[in-house]
Amino acid sequence: MLTQNIEKMKKRVLISGAGFAGLTLAFWLDKFCFDVTVVEYANGLRRGGSPIDVRGEALHIVQEMGLLDKIKAKEFIHSDEMVDANGETLVRFALNAQPEYLGDIEIHRGDLLDILYEAIPRERVKILFGTSIASMSEESDGVAVVFEDGSSQHFDYVFGADGTHSMVRRLIFGDEKQFSKFFGAYFAFAEVNQVDSGRPKNTGVFYRTLGKQVLLYQFMNGANGVLMFRSPKLDWDFRDKAQHKQILHDVFGEVTDWKTQEILEAMLLSDNLYFDEVCQIHVPEWHKGRVALVGDAAHAPSFFTGMGTSLAMIGAARLAKSLIEYGDHHTAFARYQDIHKPFAEEIQSRIVQGQRYQLPETEEELQASIDRFRKG
């Protein structure tokens, strides 16, 4: 009877999104005895993409979670090369050894997602793939949620951890256009296991020309390709995969430098291509009533800052800790924003320098991006 009463007293929370922010938030809220449900639009964890960094305060967060050793064991130690149009090495270096990265842990995106996912007790936390929220309405004692399959449930709180193109943000805060700031570029990544850089395994190779970059991350068991390019704002739909492939073909179809055509062809055949614009999300208020945003849904900084993953995990932990510390969600959500927003805005300010290095627009900027690693 006591156990049943405790279960009834638990606050029921819904997290939309099973990425770094969503899984980290689910871990902490379960730890603090919330009844947690996670819904994810994709049919499984989105493991693809280039390696990511766990750095700064995020290292302390994963240590508190008991995951630091597991993450360290999966660290991606690699060498890196910048090549010219003919594939000749311009500069060779180890990104992990660069002064600004010392102490950080670089890891494959999928490995970190798997570690977070496996840390969540599935006997308590419900994680539902292949579904998403269709509508929400706040009531006096919670939020009524209708899912895409027509089913409905009632939750005490709802958290939007569903990325740059957040459905929760759109439903509660308004159209994405008012929060998104475009930075004049697009990127795509996919597995390209059939492409060989001609270098040893665990080598990252990239080719830069003005306004374009082509990358190949080669691992022991496969490879990821990344294409980036500067462009004016395009008329595109983030869920239209065929359109994404056509855009890549139009931009890179006649580029014969280095491995561009091999990488492009593999990406055009991929069933798991990810394409998006380089943008940031700036939302004045991250909470409204019983709904709050976390991670990219609240403050996407862009991968050019090198802090997207860590920022999302730090924010998720801060949100959960504020909720348990203050109890009252109005106070907790406001405190979370007061603490985390200045930090997120400082990270977002780093995009200009990062984009200048990775997508140089002038010969001087291109040379500076090469010299940067020679000095390292």
Protein backbone atom coordinates (compact mmCIF):
# COMPACT_ATOMS: atom_id res chain seq x y z
CA MET A 1 0.00 0.00 0.00
CA LEU A 2 2.85 2.40 0.89
CA THR A 3 4.55 1.69 -2.45
CA GLN A 4 1.31 2.38 -4.32
CA ASN A 5 0.84 5.69 -2.50
CA ILE A 6 4.42 6.75 -3.31
CA GLU A 7 3.83 5.91 -6.97
CA LYS A 8 0.69 8.05 -7.00
CA MET A 9 2.61 10.99 -5.50
CA LYS A 10 5.30 10.93 -8.17
CA LYS A 11 5.25 13.80 -10.62
CA ARG A 12 4.68 12.54 -14.16
CA VAL A 13 6.92 14.17 -16.76
CA LEU A 14 7.12 13.87 -20.53
CA ILE A 15 10.37 14.53 -22.38
CA SER A 16 10.16 15.02 -26.13
CA GLY A 17 13.45 13.95 -27.71
CA ALA A 18 15.94 11.16 -26.99
CA GLY A 19 19.12 13.05 -27.80
CA PHE A 20 21.81 14.23 -25.40
CA ALA A 21 19.57 16.73 -23.60
CA GLY A 22 16.58 14.40 -23.40
CA LEU A 23 18.47 11.34 -22.16
CA THR A 24 20.48 13.36 -19.63
CA LEU A 25 17.29 14.96 -18.33
CA ALA A 26 15.58 11.57 -18.14
CA PHE A 27 18.49 10.18 -16.10
CA TRP A 28 18.40 12.99 -13.54
CA LEU A 29 14.61 13.21 -13.21
CA ASP A 30 14.42 9.45 -12.66
CA LYS A 31 17.17 9.77 -10.06
CA PHE A 32 15.06 12.42 -8.34
CA CYS A 33 12.05 10.06 -8.30
CA PHE A 34 9.94 11.52 -11.11
CA ASP A 35 7.84 9.23 -13.28
CA VAL A 36 9.52 9.75 -16.66
CA THR A 37 8.32 9.10 -20.21
CA VAL A 38 10.47 9.94 -23.25
CA VAL A 39 9.09 10.10 -26.78
CA GLU A 40 11.31 10.23 -29.85
CA TYR A 41 10.13 10.97 -33.38
CA ALA A 42 12.83 8.74 -34.95
CA ASN A 43 12.59 4.96 -34.85
CA GLY A 44 15.74 4.67 -32.74
CA LEU A 45 18.67 6.62 -31.37
CA ARG A 46 20.20 8.95 -33.98
CA ARG A 47 23.74 7.63 -33.80
CA GLY A 48 25.24 9.11 -36.97
CA GLY A 49 27.33 12.23 -37.38
CA SER A 50 30.83 13.41 -36.72
CA PRO A 51 32.57 12.83 -33.37
CA ILE A 52 31.56 15.17 -30.56
CA ASP A 53 33.23 16.51 -27.41
CA VAL A 54 32.42 16.18 -23.73
CA ARG A 55 34.12 19.17 -22.17
CA GLY A 56 34.06 21.67 -19.32
CA GLU A 57 31.27 21.30 -16.79
CA ALA A 58 29.86 18.37 -18.80
CA LEU A 59 32.80 16.27 -17.57
CA HIS A 60 31.67 16.88 -14.00
CA ILE A 61 28.07 16.06 -14.94
CA VAL A 62 28.95 12.66 -16.40
CA GLN A 63 31.17 11.95 -13.41
CA GLU A 64 28.19 12.60 -11.13
CA MET A 65 26.18 10.24 -13.32
CA GLY A 66 28.82 7.53 -12.85
CA LEU A 67 29.55 7.47 -16.58
CA LEU A 68 32.93 9.16 -16.88
CA ASP A 69 34.94 5.92 -17.00
CA LYS A 70 32.63 4.43 -19.63
CA ILE A 71 32.92 7.55 -21.76
CA LYS A 72 36.68 7.68 -21.32
CA ALA A 73 36.92 4.02 -22.40
CA LYS A 74 35.22 4.94 -25.70
CA GLU A 75 37.34 8.03 -26.32
CA PHE A 76 38.09 8.61 -30.00
CA ILE A 77 41.84 9.17 -30.23
CA HIS A 78 42.73 10.08 -33.78
CA SER A 79 45.10 11.93 -36.03
CA ASP A 80 43.91 14.61 -38.44
CA GLU A 81 45.03 15.86 -41.83
CA MET A 82 44.11 18.77 -44.02
CA VAL A 83 44.63 17.96 -47.70
CA ASP A 84 44.65 19.91 -50.94
CA ALA A 85 42.53 19.29 -54.03
CA ASN A 86 44.83 16.44 -55.09
CA GLY A 87 44.76 14.74 -51.70
CA GLU A 88 48.28 15.84 -50.75
CA THR A 89 48.74 16.54 -47.04
CA LEU A 90 48.98 20.23 -46.16
CA VAL A 91 49.21 19.78 -42.41
CA ARG A 92 49.05 16.82 -40.03
CA PHE A 93 48.08 17.19 -36.38
CA ALA A 94 46.18 15.62 -33.47
CA LEU A 95 43.08 17.61 -32.61
CA ASN A 96 42.94 16.02 -29.16
CA ALA A 97 46.36 17.50 -28.41
CA GLN A 98 45.45 21.09 -29.36
CA PRO A 99 45.73 23.40 -26.31
CA GLU A 100 42.02 24.32 -26.30
CA TYR A 101 41.01 20.64 -26.26
CA LEU A 102 43.31 19.34 -23.51
CA GLY A 103 41.31 17.46 -20.89
CA ASP A 104 38.25 17.08 -23.12
CA ILE A 105 36.97 13.71 -24.29
CA GLU A 106 36.12 13.25 -27.98
CA ILE A 107 33.77 10.35 -28.63
CA HIS A 108 31.66 9.00 -31.45
CA ARG A 109 28.18 10.46 -31.26
CA GLY A 110 26.57 7.02 -31.26
CA ASP A 111 28.81 5.74 -28.47
CA LEU A 112 27.81 8.58 -26.15
CA LEU A 113 24.11 8.12 -26.94
CA ASP A 114 24.38 4.40 -26.22
CA ILE A 115 26.10 5.04 -22.88
CA LEU A 116 23.40 7.51 -21.81
CA TYR A 117 20.60 5.25 -23.02
CA GLU A 118 21.98 2.22 -21.19
CA ALA A 119 22.32 4.24 -17.97
CA ILE A 120 18.58 4.85 -17.81
CA PRO A 121 16.63 2.17 -15.87
CA ARG A 122 14.15 0.85 -18.39
CA GLU A 123 12.06 -0.81 -15.69
CA ARG A 124 11.07 2.71 -14.59
CA VAL A 125 11.65 5.08 -17.50
CA LYS A 126 9.49 4.59 -20.58
CA ILE A 127 11.23 5.45 -23.87
CA LEU A 128 8.94 5.33 -26.89
CA PHE A 129 10.44 5.55 -30.37
CA GLY A 130 8.62 6.35 -33.59
CA THR A 131 6.13 8.73 -32.02
CA SER A 132 5.79 12.40 -31.23
CA ILE A 133 3.46 14.98 -29.75
CA ALA A 134 0.58 16.19 -31.91
CA SER A 135 -0.96 18.75 -29.52
CA MET A 136 -0.80 19.96 -25.95
CA SER A 137 -3.01 22.02 -23.67
CA GLU A 138 -2.21 23.19 -20.17
CA GLU A 139 -4.78 22.54 -17.46
CA SER A 140 -4.93 23.64 -13.84
CA ASP A 141 -3.09 20.56 -12.60
CA GLY A 142 -0.92 19.60 -15.56
CA VAL A 143 -0.60 19.27 -19.33
CA ALA A 144 -2.91 17.20 -21.53
CA VAL A 145 -0.91 15.68 -24.40
CA VAL A 146 -2.25 14.08 -27.56
CA PHE A 147 0.21 11.93 -29.51
CA GLU A 148 0.38 11.34 -33.27
CA ASP A 149 -1.32 7.94 -32.91
CA GLY A 150 -4.35 9.62 -31.33
CA SER A 151 -3.68 8.42 -27.77
CA SER A 152 -3.59 10.96 -24.95
CA GLN A 153 -2.04 11.23 -21.49
CA HIS A 154 -1.81 13.74 -18.66
CA PHE A 155 1.54 14.95 -17.30
CA ASP A 156 2.61 17.33 -14.57
CA TYR A 157 5.37 18.80 -16.76
CA VAL A 158 6.47 18.59 -20.40
CA PHE A 159 10.03 19.24 -21.56
CA GLY A 160 11.03 20.02 -25.12
CA ALA A 161 14.41 18.39 -25.75
CA ASP A 162 13.58 17.82 -29.40
CA GLY A 163 16.29 19.80 -31.11
CA THR A 164 16.61 22.78 -33.38
CA HIS A 165 13.28 22.09 -35.09
CA SER A 166 11.44 21.43 -31.81
CA MET A 167 7.79 20.45 -32.01
CA VAL A 168 7.23 21.38 -28.35
CA ARG A 169 8.62 24.86 -28.99
CA ARG A 170 6.41 25.34 -32.03
CA LEU A 171 3.26 24.21 -30.22
CA ILE A 172 3.79 26.29 -27.09
CA PHE A 173 6.10 29.18 -28.00
CA GLY A 174 5.36 29.78 -31.68
CA ASP A 175 6.79 29.37 -35.16
CA GLU A 176 10.48 28.50 -35.47
CA LYS A 177 11.21 31.46 -37.75
CA GLN A 178 10.98 33.94 -34.88
CA PHE A 179 13.68 32.11 -32.90
CA SER A 180 16.07 30.87 -35.59
CA LYS A 181 19.09 32.90 -36.72
CA PHE A 182 20.60 31.69 -39.99
CA PHE A 183 24.38 31.86 -40.48
CA GLY A 184 24.64 31.50 -44.24
CA ALA A 185 25.63 27.84 -44.52
CA TYR A 186 24.36 24.26 -44.71
CA PHE A 187 25.79 20.88 -43.75
CA ALA A 188 25.07 17.19 -44.21
CA PHE A 189 26.49 13.96 -42.83
CA ALA A 190 25.98 10.24 -43.33
CA GLU A 191 27.81 6.94 -43.07
CA VAL A 192 30.07 6.44 -46.09
CA ASN A 193 31.71 3.16 -45.16
CA GLN A 194 32.67 2.38 -48.77
CA VAL A 195 34.93 5.45 -49.04
CA ASP A 196 38.61 4.99 -48.15
CA SER A 197 40.79 8.02 -47.43
CA GLY A 198 43.97 6.06 -48.03
CA ARG A 199 45.08 6.91 -44.51
CA PRO A 200 45.28 4.70 -41.42
CA LYS A 201 42.10 3.97 -39.52
CA ASN A 202 41.10 6.50 -36.85
CA THR A 203 42.15 9.38 -39.06
CA GLY A 204 40.10 12.45 -39.82
CA VAL A 205 40.79 14.02 -43.21
CA PHE A 206 39.34 17.26 -44.49
CA TYR A 207 39.59 19.39 -47.58
CA ARG A 208 38.70 23.07 -47.55
CA THR A 209 38.18 25.50 -50.34
CA LEU A 210 36.47 28.87 -50.26
CA GLY A 211 32.95 28.39 -48.95
CA LYS A 212 33.07 24.59 -48.93
CA GLN A 213 34.46 21.82 -46.75
CA VAL A 214 34.55 18.04 -47.24
CA LEU A 215 35.40 15.75 -44.32
CA LEU A 216 35.94 12.03 -43.92
CA TYR A 217 36.17 10.53 -40.44
CA GLN A 218 37.51 7.01 -40.80
CA PHE A 219 37.11 4.59 -37.87
CA MET A 220 38.01 0.97 -37.28
CA ASN A 221 34.53 -0.16 -38.34
CA GLY A 222 33.44 2.39 -40.90
CA ALA A 223 33.49 6.03 -41.92
CA ASN A 224 31.34 9.17 -41.77
CA GLY A 225 31.28 11.82 -44.46
CA VAL A 226 30.44 15.48 -43.91
CA LEU A 227 29.73 18.14 -46.52
CA MET A 228 29.42 21.85 -45.68
CA PHE A 229 28.86 24.88 -47.85
CA ARG A 230 28.06 28.56 -47.60
CA SER A 231 24.85 29.68 -49.25
CA PRO A 232 22.11 32.29 -49.09
CA LYS A 233 18.93 31.12 -47.38
CA LEU A 234 17.32 28.25 -49.30
CA ASP A 235 13.65 27.37 -49.59
CA TRP A 236 13.79 23.89 -48.08
CA ASP A 237 11.90 21.46 -45.82
CA PHE A 238 13.93 19.84 -43.03
CA ARG A 239 12.01 16.56 -43.41
CA ASP A 240 12.24 16.28 -47.22
CA LYS A 241 15.16 13.85 -47.68
CA ALA A 242 14.88 13.80 -51.48
CA GLN A 243 15.16 17.57 -51.56
CA HIS A 244 18.25 17.46 -49.33
CA LYS A 245 19.98 15.09 -51.72
CA GLN A 246 19.11 17.28 -54.68
CA ILE A 247 20.61 20.32 -52.94
CA LEU A 248 23.85 18.43 -52.26
CA HIS A 249 23.97 17.24 -55.87
CA ASP A 250 23.46 20.79 -57.14
CA VAL A 251 26.23 22.19 -54.91
CA PHE A 252 28.85 19.43 -55.09
CA GLY A 253 27.94 17.56 -58.27
CA GLU A 254 30.70 19.13 -60.34
CA VAL A 255 33.34 19.40 -57.60
CA THR A 256 36.08 16.92 -58.51
CA ASP A 257 38.57 17.85 -55.78
CA TRP A 258 39.95 15.08 -53.54
CA LYS A 259 37.26 12.51 -52.49
CA THR A 260 34.30 14.83 -52.98
CA GLN A 261 32.55 12.75 -55.62
CA GLU A 262 32.97 9.45 -53.75
CA ILE A 263 31.62 10.97 -50.55
CA LEU A 264 28.77 12.70 -52.36
CA GLU A 265 27.70 9.54 -54.17
CA ALA A 266 27.70 7.54 -50.93
CA MET A 267 25.65 10.21 -49.19
CA LEU A 268 23.13 10.36 -52.02
CA LEU A 269 22.59 6.60 -51.64
CA SER A 270 22.25 6.77 -47.86
CA ASP A 271 18.99 6.04 -46.06
CA ASN A 272 20.19 8.01 -43.04
CA LEU A 273 21.39 11.30 -44.48
CA TYR A 274 21.12 14.24 -42.09
CA PHE A 275 20.90 17.71 -43.64
CA ASP A 276 20.35 21.04 -41.95
CA GLU A 277 21.17 24.71 -42.04
CA VAL A 278 23.78 26.32 -39.83
CA CYS A 279 21.67 28.31 -37.40
CA GLN A 280 21.21 29.18 -33.78
CA ILE A 281 18.07 29.21 -31.67
CA HIS A 282 17.43 32.24 -29.47
CA VAL A 283 14.28 31.96 -27.34
CA PRO A 284 13.69 34.88 -24.93
CA GLU A 285 11.87 32.73 -22.36
CA TRP A 286 12.60 29.01 -22.10
CA HIS A 287 9.52 28.16 -20.06
CA LYS A 288 5.81 28.78 -20.19
CA GLY A 289 3.51 27.40 -17.53
CA ARG A 290 4.34 23.74 -17.03
CA VAL A 291 6.41 23.44 -20.21
CA ALA A 292 10.16 24.12 -20.49
CA LEU A 293 12.79 23.84 -23.22
CA VAL A 294 16.24 22.32 -22.90
CA GLY A 295 19.20 21.72 -25.21
CA ASP A 296 19.03 22.80 -28.84
CA ALA A 297 15.29 23.46 -28.55
CA ALA A 298 16.14 26.36 -26.23
CA HIS A 299 19.58 27.49 -27.37
CA ALA A 300 21.10 25.59 -30.31
CA PRO A 301 24.62 27.06 -30.61
CA SER A 302 25.69 25.33 -33.89
CA PHE A 303 28.42 22.70 -34.13
CA PHE A 304 30.88 25.46 -35.11
CA THR A 305 31.08 26.38 -31.40
CA GLY A 306 32.25 22.86 -30.47
CA MET A 307 29.97 22.93 -27.43
CA GLY A 308 26.53 21.77 -28.56
CA THR A 309 26.58 18.38 -26.84
CA SER A 310 28.18 19.58 -23.61
CA LEU A 311 25.88 22.60 -23.43
CA ALA A 312 22.81 20.38 -23.81
CA MET A 313 23.93 17.98 -21.07
CA ILE A 314 24.86 20.78 -18.67
CA GLY A 315 21.50 22.47 -19.21
CA ALA A 316 19.57 19.24 -18.67
CA ALA A 317 21.31 18.60 -15.35
CA ARG A 318 20.74 22.19 -14.24
CA LEU A 319 17.05 21.99 -15.11
CA ALA A 320 16.53 18.76 -13.18
CA LYS A 321 18.47 20.01 -10.15
CA SER A 322 16.53 23.28 -10.10
CA LEU A 323 13.26 21.39 -10.17
CA ILE A 324 14.20 19.19 -7.24
CA GLU A 325 15.74 22.09 -5.28
CA TYR A 326 12.82 24.50 -5.57
CA GLY A 327 9.86 22.14 -6.00
CA ASP A 328 7.59 24.86 -7.37
CA HIS A 329 8.00 24.69 -11.12
CA HIS A 330 7.58 28.44 -11.65
CA THR A 331 10.56 29.18 -9.42
CA ALA A 332 12.55 26.18 -10.66
CA PHE A 333 12.15 26.99 -14.36
CA ALA A 334 13.03 30.65 -13.80
CA ARG A 335 16.10 29.72 -11.78
CA TYR A 336 17.24 27.25 -14.44
CA GLN A 337 17.04 29.98 -17.07
CA ASP A 338 18.76 32.57 -14.87
CA ILE A 339 21.71 30.22 -14.28
CA HIS A 340 22.05 28.64 -17.71
CA LYS A 341 21.09 31.31 -20.22
CA PRO A 342 24.15 33.60 -19.79
CA PHE A 343 26.40 30.58 -20.23
CA ALA A 344 24.50 29.45 -23.35
CA GLU A 345 24.71 32.93 -24.86
CA GLU A 346 28.47 33.08 -24.28
CA ILE A 347 28.84 29.74 -26.09
CA GLN A 348 26.66 30.96 -28.96
CA SER A 349 28.95 33.98 -29.40
CA ARG A 350 31.78 31.65 -30.47
CA ILE A 351 30.17 30.70 -33.77
CA VAL A 352 31.75 33.45 -35.90
CA GLN A 353 35.33 32.39 -35.24
CA GLY A 354 34.53 28.68 -35.64
CA GLN A 355 32.72 29.21 -38.92
CA ARG A 356 35.53 31.39 -40.26
CA TYR A 357 38.01 28.56 -39.66
CA GLN A 358 35.85 25.80 -41.16
CA LEU A 359 34.25 27.66 -44.06
CA PRO A 360 36.72 30.42 -45.00
CA GLU A 361 35.47 33.04 -47.43
CA THR A 362 38.83 34.55 -48.45
CA GLU A 363 42.28 33.24 -49.27
CA GLU A 364 43.57 34.94 -46.11
CA GLU A 365 41.03 33.08 -43.94
CA LEU A 366 41.85 29.80 -45.69
CA GLN A 367 45.56 30.23 -45.03
CA ALA A 368 44.86 31.18 -41.41
CA SER A 369 42.89 27.95 -40.92
CA ILE A 370 45.92 25.98 -42.13
CA ASP A 371 48.42 27.98 -40.09
CA ARG A 372 46.31 27.51 -36.96
CA PHE A 373 47.09 23.79 -36.95
CA ARG A 374 50.72 24.24 -37.94
CA LYS A 375 51.13 26.35 -34.83
CA GLY A 376 49.41 23.67 -32.74
